[in-house]
Amino acid sequence: ADQDEEEFGRLVVTAEDPSNALTAAKEATGAVPGRW
């Protein structure tokens, strides 16, 4: 309820390359590699 529309989405991590970003997404959110 307190999330402003302009702040939609929460930055979880920043990575230098796409591979590291996908790995970080898996670690932070439970994302599954074959489901992107």
PDB file of all heavy atoms in Angstrom:
ATOM      1  N   ALA A   1       0.811  -1.217   0.000  1.00  0.00           N
ATOM      2  CA  ALA A   1       0.000   0.000   0.000  1.00  0.00           C
ATOM      3  C   ALA A   1       0.847   1.271   0.000  1.00  0.00           C
ATOM      4  O   ALA A   1       0.443   2.288  -0.544  1.00  0.00           O
ATOM      5  CB  ALA A   1      -0.930   0.004   1.210  1.00  0.00           C
ATOM      6  N   ASP A   2       2.051   1.199   0.568  1.00  0.00           N
ATOM      7  CA  ASP A   2       2.895   2.387   0.646  1.00  0.00           C
ATOM      8  C   ASP A   2       3.834   2.544  -0.540  1.00  0.00           C
ATOM      9  O   ASP A   2       4.643   3.454  -0.586  1.00  0.00           O
ATOM     10  CB  ASP A   2       3.702   2.382   1.942  1.00  0.00           C
ATOM     11  CG  ASP A   2       4.644   1.186   2.036  1.00  0.00           C
ATOM     12  OD1 ASP A   2       4.462   0.216   1.269  1.00  0.00           O
ATOM     13  OD2 ASP A   2       5.553   1.216   2.877  1.00  0.00           O
ATOM     14  N   GLN A   3       3.731   1.673  -1.534  1.00  0.00           N
ATOM     15  CA  GLN A   3       4.623   1.725  -2.690  1.00  0.00           C
ATOM     16  C   GLN A   3       4.090   2.729  -3.708  1.00  0.00           C
ATOM     17  O   GLN A   3       2.980   2.591  -4.206  1.00  0.00           O
ATOM     18  CB  GLN A   3       4.728   0.338  -3.314  1.00  0.00           C
ATOM     19  CG  GLN A   3       5.795   0.211  -4.359  1.00  0.00           C
ATOM     20  CD  GLN A   3       5.912  -1.225  -4.858  1.00  0.00           C
ATOM     21  OE1 GLN A   3       4.956  -1.978  -4.878  1.00  0.00           O
ATOM     22  NE2 GLN A   3       7.096  -1.586  -5.273  1.00  0.00           N
ATOM     23  N   ASP A   4       4.857   3.744  -3.997  1.00  0.00           N
ATOM     24  CA  ASP A   4       4.479   4.769  -4.954  1.00  0.00           C
ATOM     25  C   ASP A   4       4.562   4.204  -6.363  1.00  0.00           C
ATOM     26  O   ASP A   4       5.446   3.420  -6.687  1.00  0.00           O
ATOM     27  CB  ASP A   4       5.423   5.965  -4.807  1.00  0.00           C
ATOM     28  CG  ASP A   4       5.029   7.143  -5.665  1.00  0.00           C
ATOM     29  OD1 ASP A   4       3.858   7.198  -6.107  1.00  0.00           O
ATOM     30  OD2 ASP A   4       5.880   8.011  -5.882  1.00  0.00           O
ATOM     31  N   GLU A   5       3.627   4.598  -7.210  1.00  0.00           N
ATOM     32  CA  GLU A   5       3.601   4.091  -8.580  1.00  0.00           C
ATOM     33  C   GLU A   5       4.902   4.375  -9.317  1.00  0.00           C
ATOM     34  O   GLU A   5       5.358   3.575 -10.109  1.00  0.00           O
ATOM     35  CB  GLU A   5       2.418   4.723  -9.319  1.00  0.00           C
ATOM     36  CG  GLU A   5       1.868   3.844 -10.407  1.00  0.00           C
ATOM     37  CD  GLU A   5       0.582   4.399 -10.973  1.00  0.00           C
ATOM     38  OE1 GLU A   5      -0.369   4.610 -10.210  1.00  0.00           O
ATOM     39  OE2 GLU A   5       0.556   4.626 -12.194  1.00  0.00           O
ATOM     40  N   GLU A   6       5.522   5.514  -9.048  1.00  0.00           N
ATOM     41  CA  GLU A   6       6.774   5.850  -9.716  1.00  0.00           C
ATOM     42  C   GLU A   6       7.926   4.966  -9.250  1.00  0.00           C
ATOM     43  O   GLU A   6       8.930   4.853  -9.920  1.00  0.00           O
ATOM     44  CB  GLU A   6       7.114   7.324  -9.485  1.00  0.00           C
ATOM     45  CG  GLU A   6       6.167   8.267 -10.187  1.00  0.00           C
ATOM     46  CD  GLU A   6       6.519   9.713  -9.923  1.00  0.00           C
ATOM     47  OE1 GLU A   6       7.677  10.005  -9.609  1.00  0.00           O
ATOM     48  OE2 GLU A   6       5.619  10.554 -10.046  1.00  0.00           O
ATOM     49  N   GLU A   7       7.784   4.358  -8.098  1.00  0.00           N
ATOM     50  CA  GLU A   7       8.825   3.489  -7.562  1.00  0.00           C
ATOM     51  C   GLU A   7       8.474   2.027  -7.791  1.00  0.00           C
ATOM     52  O   GLU A   7       8.971   1.154  -7.101  1.00  0.00           O
ATOM     53  CB  GLU A   7       8.991   3.757  -6.061  1.00  0.00           C
ATOM     54  CG  GLU A   7       9.461   5.145  -5.747  1.00  0.00           C
ATOM     55  CD  GLU A   7       9.487   5.403  -4.253  1.00  0.00           C
ATOM     56  OE1 GLU A   7       9.384   4.465  -3.466  1.00  0.00           O
ATOM     57  OE2 GLU A   7       9.615   6.575  -3.885  1.00  0.00           O
ATOM     58  N   PHE A   8       7.606   1.777  -8.763  1.00  0.00           N
ATOM     59  CA  PHE A   8       7.128   0.424  -9.007  1.00  0.00           C
ATOM     60  C   PHE A   8       8.290  -0.515  -9.294  1.00  0.00           C
ATOM     61  O   PHE A   8       9.138  -0.239 -10.125  1.00  0.00           O
ATOM     62  CB  PHE A   8       6.155   0.421 -10.179  1.00  0.00           C
ATOM     63  CG  PHE A   8       5.608  -0.927 -10.482  1.00  0.00           C
ATOM     64  CD1 PHE A   8       4.818  -1.582  -9.559  1.00  0.00           C
ATOM     65  CD2 PHE A   8       5.886  -1.541 -11.678  1.00  0.00           C
ATOM     66  CE1 PHE A   8       4.304  -2.830  -9.831  1.00  0.00           C
ATOM     67  CE2 PHE A   8       5.381  -2.787 -11.955  1.00  0.00           C
ATOM     68  CZ  PHE A   8       4.588  -3.433 -11.029  1.00  0.00           C
ATOM     69  N   GLY A   9       8.313  -1.579  -8.584  1.00  0.00           N
ATOM     70  CA  GLY A   9       9.403  -2.535  -8.706  1.00  0.00           C
ATOM     71  C   GLY A   9      10.512  -2.158  -7.757  1.00  0.00           C
ATOM     72  O   GLY A   9      10.749  -0.989  -7.490  1.00  0.00           O
ATOM     73  N   ARG A  10      11.135  -3.167  -7.217  1.00  0.00           N
ATOM     74  CA  ARG A  10      12.225  -2.932  -6.267  1.00  0.00           C
ATOM     75  C   ARG A  10      13.521  -3.450  -6.870  1.00  0.00           C
ATOM     76  O   ARG A  10      13.612  -4.603  -7.258  1.00  0.00           O
ATOM     77  CB  ARG A  10      11.930  -3.647  -4.952  1.00  0.00           C
ATOM     78  CG  ARG A  10      12.983  -3.407  -3.894  1.00  0.00           C
ATOM     79  CD  ARG A  10      12.522  -3.844  -2.523  1.00  0.00           C
ATOM     80  NE  ARG A  10      12.056  -5.200  -2.449  1.00  0.00           N
ATOM     81  CZ  ARG A  10      12.772  -6.217  -1.986  1.00  0.00           C
ATOM     82  NH1 ARG A  10      14.002  -6.029  -1.553  1.00  0.00           N
ATOM     83  NH2 ARG A  10      12.260  -7.418  -1.931  1.00  0.00           N
ATOM     84  N   LEU A  11      14.497  -2.566  -6.972  1.00  0.00           N
ATOM     85  CA  LEU A  11      15.814  -2.954  -7.476  1.00  0.00           C
ATOM     86  C   LEU A  11      16.428  -3.925  -6.481  1.00  0.00           C
ATOM     87  O   LEU A  11      16.590  -3.604  -5.308  1.00  0.00           O
ATOM     88  CB  LEU A  11      16.708  -1.731  -7.664  1.00  0.00           C
ATOM     89  CG  LEU A  11      18.132  -2.000  -8.142  1.00  0.00           C
ATOM     90  CD1 LEU A  11      18.136  -2.650  -9.530  1.00  0.00           C
ATOM     91  CD2 LEU A  11      18.935  -0.711  -8.152  1.00  0.00           C
ATOM     92  N   VAL A  12      16.763  -5.113  -6.959  1.00  0.00           N
ATOM     93  CA  VAL A  12      17.307  -6.154  -6.102  1.00  0.00           C
ATOM     94  C   VAL A  12      18.823  -6.185  -6.185  1.00  0.00           C
ATOM     95  O   VAL A  12      19.511  -6.298  -5.181  1.00  0.00           O
ATOM     96  CB  VAL A  12      16.732  -7.536  -6.489  1.00  0.00           C
ATOM     97  CG1 VAL A  12      17.328  -8.630  -5.649  1.00  0.00           C
ATOM     98  CG2 VAL A  12      15.229  -7.536  -6.388  1.00  0.00           C
ATOM     99  N   VAL A  13      19.345  -6.065  -7.397  1.00  0.00           N
ATOM    100  CA  VAL A  13      20.785  -6.172  -7.592  1.00  0.00           C
ATOM    101  C   VAL A  13      21.157  -5.572  -8.948  1.00  0.00           C
ATOM    102  O   VAL A  13      20.321  -5.484  -9.843  1.00  0.00           O
ATOM    103  CB  VAL A  13      21.249  -7.647  -7.493  1.00  0.00           C
ATOM    104  CG1 VAL A  13      20.749  -8.457  -8.668  1.00  0.00           C
ATOM    105  CG2 VAL A  13      22.738  -7.771  -7.343  1.00  0.00           C
ATOM    106  N   THR A  14      22.393  -5.149  -9.057  1.00  0.00           N
ATOM    107  CA  THR A  14      22.955  -4.679 -10.320  1.00  0.00           C
ATOM    108  C   THR A  14      24.131  -5.580 -10.647  1.00  0.00           C
ATOM    109  O   THR A  14      24.926  -5.918  -9.765  1.00  0.00           O
ATOM    110  CB  THR A  14      23.426  -3.215 -10.196  1.00  0.00           C
ATOM    111  OG1 THR A  14      22.304  -2.406  -9.827  1.00  0.00           O
ATOM    112  CG2 THR A  14      24.000  -2.707 -11.495  1.00  0.00           C
ATOM    113  N   ALA A  15      24.236  -5.974 -11.913  1.00  0.00           N
ATOM    114  CA  ALA A  15      25.319  -6.863 -12.346  1.00  0.00           C
ATOM    115  C   ALA A  15      25.980  -6.283 -13.584  1.00  0.00           C
ATOM    116  O   ALA A  15      25.379  -5.507 -14.325  1.00  0.00           O
ATOM    117  CB  ALA A  15      24.774  -8.255 -12.640  1.00  0.00           C
ATOM    118  N   GLU A  16      27.211  -6.692 -13.819  1.00  0.00           N
ATOM    119  CA  GLU A  16      27.977  -6.155 -14.941  1.00  0.00           C
ATOM    120  C   GLU A  16      27.622  -6.774 -16.286  1.00  0.00           C
ATOM    121  O   GLU A  16      27.804  -6.149 -17.320  1.00  0.00           O
ATOM    122  CB  GLU A  16      29.474  -6.333 -14.683  1.00  0.00           C
ATOM    123  CG  GLU A  16      29.985  -5.473 -13.552  1.00  0.00           C
ATOM    124  CD  GLU A  16      31.488  -5.618 -13.350  1.00  0.00           C
ATOM    125  OE1 GLU A  16      32.160  -6.230 -14.193  1.00  0.00           O
ATOM    126  OE2 GLU A  16      31.969  -5.112 -12.331  1.00  0.00           O
ATOM    127  N   ASP A  17      27.146  -8.017 -16.280  1.00  0.00           N
ATOM    128  CA  ASP A  17      26.810  -8.662 -17.546  1.00  0.00           C
ATOM    129  C   ASP A  17      25.529  -9.470 -17.387  1.00  0.00           C
ATOM    130  O   ASP A  17      25.089  -9.742 -16.272  1.00  0.00           O
ATOM    131  CB  ASP A  17      27.976  -9.528 -18.043  1.00  0.00           C
ATOM    132  CG  ASP A  17      28.318 -10.654 -17.093  1.00  0.00           C
ATOM    133  OD1 ASP A  17      27.458 -11.520 -16.854  1.00  0.00           O
ATOM    134  OD2 ASP A  17      29.460 -10.667 -16.592  1.00  0.00           O
ATOM    135  N   PRO A  18      24.917  -9.872 -18.502  1.00  0.00           N
ATOM    136  CA  PRO A  18      23.624 -10.565 -18.421  1.00  0.00           C
ATOM    137  C   PRO A  18      23.695 -11.895 -17.674  1.00  0.00           C
ATOM    138  O   PRO A  18      22.775 -12.238 -16.940  1.00  0.00           O
ATOM    139  CB  PRO A  18      23.214 -10.771 -19.875  1.00  0.00           C
ATOM    140  CG  PRO A  18      24.329 -10.315 -20.722  1.00  0.00           C
ATOM    141  CD  PRO A  18      25.330  -9.615 -19.870  1.00  0.00           C
ATOM    142  N   SER A  19      24.757 -12.625 -17.837  1.00  0.00           N
ATOM    143  CA  SER A  19      24.883 -13.915 -17.152  1.00  0.00           C
ATOM    144  C   SER A  19      24.877 -13.735 -15.636  1.00  0.00           C
ATOM    145  O   SER A  19      24.189 -14.463 -14.909  1.00  0.00           O
ATOM    146  CB  SER A  19      26.160 -14.617 -17.608  1.00  0.00           C
ATOM    147  OG  SER A  19      26.330 -15.830 -16.912  1.00  0.00           O
ATOM    148  N   ASN A  20      25.652 -12.767 -15.152  1.00  0.00           N
ATOM    149  CA  ASN A  20      25.680 -12.495 -13.717  1.00  0.00           C
ATOM    150  C   ASN A  20      24.329 -11.977 -13.224  1.00  0.00           C
ATOM    151  O   ASN A  20      23.920 -12.276 -12.103  1.00  0.00           O
ATOM    152  CB  ASN A  20      26.776 -11.497 -13.370  1.00  0.00           C
ATOM    153  CG  ASN A  20      28.158 -12.096 -13.471  1.00  0.00           C
ATOM    154  OD1 ASN A  20      28.324 -13.315 -13.501  1.00  0.00           O
ATOM    155  ND2 ASN A  20      29.158 -11.247 -13.540  1.00  0.00           N
ATOM    156  N   ALA A  21      23.618 -11.216 -14.057  1.00  0.00           N
ATOM    157  CA  ALA A  21      22.300 -10.713 -13.681  1.00  0.00           C
ATOM    158  C   ALA A  21      21.315 -11.868 -13.519  1.00  0.00           C
ATOM    159  O   ALA A  21      20.537 -11.895 -12.559  1.00  0.00           O
ATOM    160  CB  ALA A  21      21.792  -9.723 -14.719  1.00  0.00           C
ATOM    161  N   LEU A  22      21.353 -12.831 -14.425  1.00  0.00           N
ATOM    162  CA  LEU A  22      20.449 -13.982 -14.321  1.00  0.00           C
ATOM    163  C   LEU A  22      20.776 -14.830 -13.097  1.00  0.00           C
ATOM    164  O   LEU A  22      19.876 -15.313 -12.402  1.00  0.00           O
ATOM    165  CB  LEU A  22      20.498 -14.828 -15.595  1.00  0.00           C
ATOM    166  CG  LEU A  22      19.985 -14.131 -16.854  1.00  0.00           C
ATOM    167  CD1 LEU A  22      20.155 -15.034 -18.071  1.00  0.00           C
ATOM    168  CD2 LEU A  22      18.539 -13.703 -16.690  1.00  0.00           C
ATOM    169  N   THR A  23      22.059 -14.996 -12.813  1.00  0.00           N
ATOM    170  CA  THR A  23      22.465 -15.737 -11.613  1.00  0.00           C
ATOM    171  C   THR A  23      22.012 -15.007 -10.359  1.00  0.00           C
ATOM    172  O   THR A  23      21.478 -15.619  -9.425  1.00  0.00           O
ATOM    173  CB  THR A  23      23.994 -15.936 -11.596  1.00  0.00           C
ATOM    174  OG1 THR A  23      24.360 -16.706 -12.750  1.00  0.00           O
ATOM    175  CG2 THR A  23      24.445 -16.659 -10.344  1.00  0.00           C
ATOM    176  N   ALA A  24      22.182 -13.704 -10.333  1.00  0.00           N
ATOM    177  CA  ALA A  24      21.759 -12.908  -9.178  1.00  0.00           C
ATOM    178  C   ALA A  24      20.241 -12.965  -9.015  1.00  0.00           C
ATOM    179  O   ALA A  24      19.740 -13.036  -7.886  1.00  0.00           O
ATOM    180  CB  ALA A  24      22.231 -11.468  -9.336  1.00  0.00           C
ATOM    181  N   ALA A  25      19.510 -12.940 -10.124  1.00  0.00           N
ATOM    182  CA  ALA A  25      18.049 -13.031 -10.053  1.00  0.00           C
ATOM    183  C   ALA A  25      17.624 -14.379  -9.474  1.00  0.00           C
ATOM    184  O   ALA A  25      16.699 -14.452  -8.662  1.00  0.00           O
ATOM    185  CB  ALA A  25      17.447 -12.844 -11.438  1.00  0.00           C
ATOM    186  N   LYS A  26      18.312 -15.427  -9.870  1.00  0.00           N
ATOM    187  CA  LYS A  26      18.008 -16.752  -9.324  1.00  0.00           C
ATOM    188  C   LYS A  26      18.231 -16.775  -7.821  1.00  0.00           C
ATOM    189  O   LYS A  26      17.389 -17.247  -7.059  1.00  0.00           O
ATOM    190  CB  LYS A  26      18.874 -17.806 -10.007  1.00  0.00           C
ATOM    191  CG  LYS A  26      18.677 -19.198  -9.458  1.00  0.00           C
ATOM    192  CD  LYS A  26      19.593 -20.188 -10.124  1.00  0.00           C
ATOM    193  CE  LYS A  26      19.418 -21.557  -9.461  1.00  0.00           C
ATOM    194  NZ  LYS A  26      20.395 -22.516  -9.947  1.00  0.00           N
ATOM    195  N   GLU A  27      19.357 -16.248  -7.384  1.00  0.00           N
ATOM    196  CA  GLU A  27      19.695 -16.249  -5.964  1.00  0.00           C
ATOM    197  C   GLU A  27      18.752 -15.366  -5.145  1.00  0.00           C
ATOM    198  O   GLU A  27      18.366 -15.714  -4.040  1.00  0.00           O
ATOM    199  CB  GLU A  27      21.140 -15.805  -5.765  1.00  0.00           C
ATOM    200  CG  GLU A  27      22.142 -16.801  -6.295  1.00  0.00           C
ATOM    201  CD  GLU A  27      23.570 -16.275  -6.316  1.00  0.00           C
ATOM    202  OE1 GLU A  27      23.810 -15.138  -5.880  1.00  0.00           O
ATOM    203  OE2 GLU A  27      24.448 -17.021  -6.787  1.00  0.00           O
ATOM    204  N   ALA A  28      18.367 -14.221  -5.683  1.00  0.00           N
ATOM    205  CA  ALA A  28      17.568 -13.262  -4.927  1.00  0.00           C
ATOM    206  C   ALA A  28      16.069 -13.552  -4.948  1.00  0.00           C
ATOM    207  O   ALA A  28      15.369 -13.225  -3.995  1.00  0.00           O
ATOM    208  CB  ALA A  28      17.817 -11.849  -5.461  1.00  0.00           C
ATOM    209  N   THR A  29      15.575 -14.154  -6.031  1.00  0.00           N
ATOM    210  CA  THR A  29      14.122 -14.300  -6.179  1.00  0.00           C
ATOM    211  C   THR A  29      13.661 -15.732  -6.369  1.00  0.00           C
ATOM    212  O   THR A  29      12.458 -15.982  -6.375  1.00  0.00           O
ATOM    213  CB  THR A  29      13.616 -13.483  -7.376  1.00  0.00           C
ATOM    214  OG1 THR A  29      14.084 -14.090  -8.593  1.00  0.00           O
ATOM    215  CG2 THR A  29      14.049 -12.029  -7.291  1.00  0.00           C
ATOM    216  N   GLY A  30      14.575 -16.658  -6.591  1.00  0.00           N
ATOM    217  CA  GLY A  30      14.181 -18.034  -6.869  1.00  0.00           C
ATOM    218  C   GLY A  30      13.862 -18.274  -8.332  1.00  0.00           C
ATOM    219  O   GLY A  30      13.324 -19.319  -8.695  1.00  0.00           O
ATOM    220  N   ALA A  31      14.166 -17.309  -9.200  1.00  0.00           N
ATOM    221  CA  ALA A  31      13.907 -17.473 -10.634  1.00  0.00           C
ATOM    222  C   ALA A  31      14.575 -18.744 -11.146  1.00  0.00           C
ATOM    223  O   ALA A  31      15.661 -19.107 -10.705  1.00  0.00           O
ATOM    224  CB  ALA A  31      14.416 -16.261 -11.402  1.00  0.00           C
ATOM    225  N   VAL A  32      13.911 -19.400 -12.078  1.00  0.00           N
ATOM    226  CA  VAL A  32      14.379 -20.666 -12.621  1.00  0.00           C
ATOM    227  C   VAL A  32      15.028 -20.408 -13.987  1.00  0.00           C
ATOM    228  O   VAL A  32      14.419 -19.766 -14.848  1.00  0.00           O
ATOM    229  CB  VAL A  32      13.203 -21.652 -12.758  1.00  0.00           C
ATOM    230  CG1 VAL A  32      13.642 -22.958 -13.376  1.00  0.00           C
ATOM    231  CG2 VAL A  32      12.550 -21.881 -11.399  1.00  0.00           C
ATOM    232  N   PRO A  33      16.257 -20.900 -14.203  1.00  0.00           N
ATOM    233  CA  PRO A  33      16.972 -20.579 -15.443  1.00  0.00           C
ATOM    234  C   PRO A  33      16.206 -20.844 -16.747  1.00  0.00           C
ATOM    235  O   PRO A  33      16.241 -20.024 -17.645  1.00  0.00           O
ATOM    236  CB  PRO A  33      18.232 -21.449 -15.355  1.00  0.00           C
ATOM    237  CG  PRO A  33      18.467 -21.596 -13.890  1.00  0.00           C
ATOM    238  CD  PRO A  33      17.097 -21.667 -13.270  1.00  0.00           C
ATOM    239  N   GLY A  34      15.478 -21.907 -16.865  1.00  0.00           N
ATOM    240  CA  GLY A  34      14.806 -22.228 -18.127  1.00  0.00           C
ATOM    241  C   GLY A  34      13.458 -21.586 -18.330  1.00  0.00           C
ATOM    242  O   GLY A  34      12.779 -21.865 -19.316  1.00  0.00           O
ATOM    243  N   ARG A  35      13.055 -20.674 -17.452  1.00  0.00           N
ATOM    244  CA  ARG A  35      11.699 -20.116 -17.528  1.00  0.00           C
ATOM    245  C   ARG A  35      11.660 -18.632 -17.905  1.00  0.00           C
ATOM    246  O   ARG A  35      10.611 -17.994 -17.826  1.00  0.00           O
ATOM    247  CB  ARG A  35      10.991 -20.333 -16.201  1.00  0.00           C
ATOM    248  CG  ARG A  35      10.880 -21.818 -15.858  1.00  0.00           C
ATOM    249  CD  ARG A  35      10.038 -22.009 -14.658  1.00  0.00           C
ATOM    250  NE  ARG A  35       8.688 -21.586 -14.970  1.00  0.00           N
ATOM    251  CZ  ARG A  35       7.679 -22.418 -15.214  1.00  0.00           C
ATOM    252  NH1 ARG A  35       7.873 -23.690 -15.166  1.00  0.00           N
ATOM    253  NH2 ARG A  35       6.482 -21.959 -15.480  1.00  0.00           N
ATOM    254  N   TRP A  36      12.768 -18.058 -18.322  1.00  0.00           N
ATOM    255  CA  TRP A  36      12.791 -16.650 -18.717  1.00  0.00           C
ATOM    256  C   TRP A  36      12.031 -16.457 -20.014  1.00  0.00           C
ATOM    257  O   TRP A  36      12.066 -17.308 -20.905  1.00  0.00           O
ATOM    258  CB  TRP A  36      14.230 -16.171 -18.877  1.00  0.00           C
ATOM    259  CG  TRP A  36      14.938 -16.060 -17.572  1.00  0.00           C
ATOM    260  CD1 TRP A  36      15.813 -16.960 -17.032  1.00  0.00           C
ATOM    261  CD2 TRP A  36      14.820 -15.002 -16.625  1.00  0.00           C
ATOM    262  NE1 TRP A  36      16.242 -16.524 -15.801  1.00  0.00           N
ATOM    263  CE2 TRP A  36      15.655 -15.323 -15.522  1.00  0.00           C
ATOM    264  CE3 TRP A  36      14.103 -13.814 -16.588  1.00  0.00           C
ATOM    265  CZ2 TRP A  36      15.775 -14.500 -14.415  1.00  0.00           C
ATOM    266  CZ3 TRP A  36      14.226 -12.994 -15.483  1.00  0.00           C
ATOM    267  CH2 TRP A  36      15.057 -13.345 -14.415  1.00  0.00           C
TER     268      TRP A  36
END
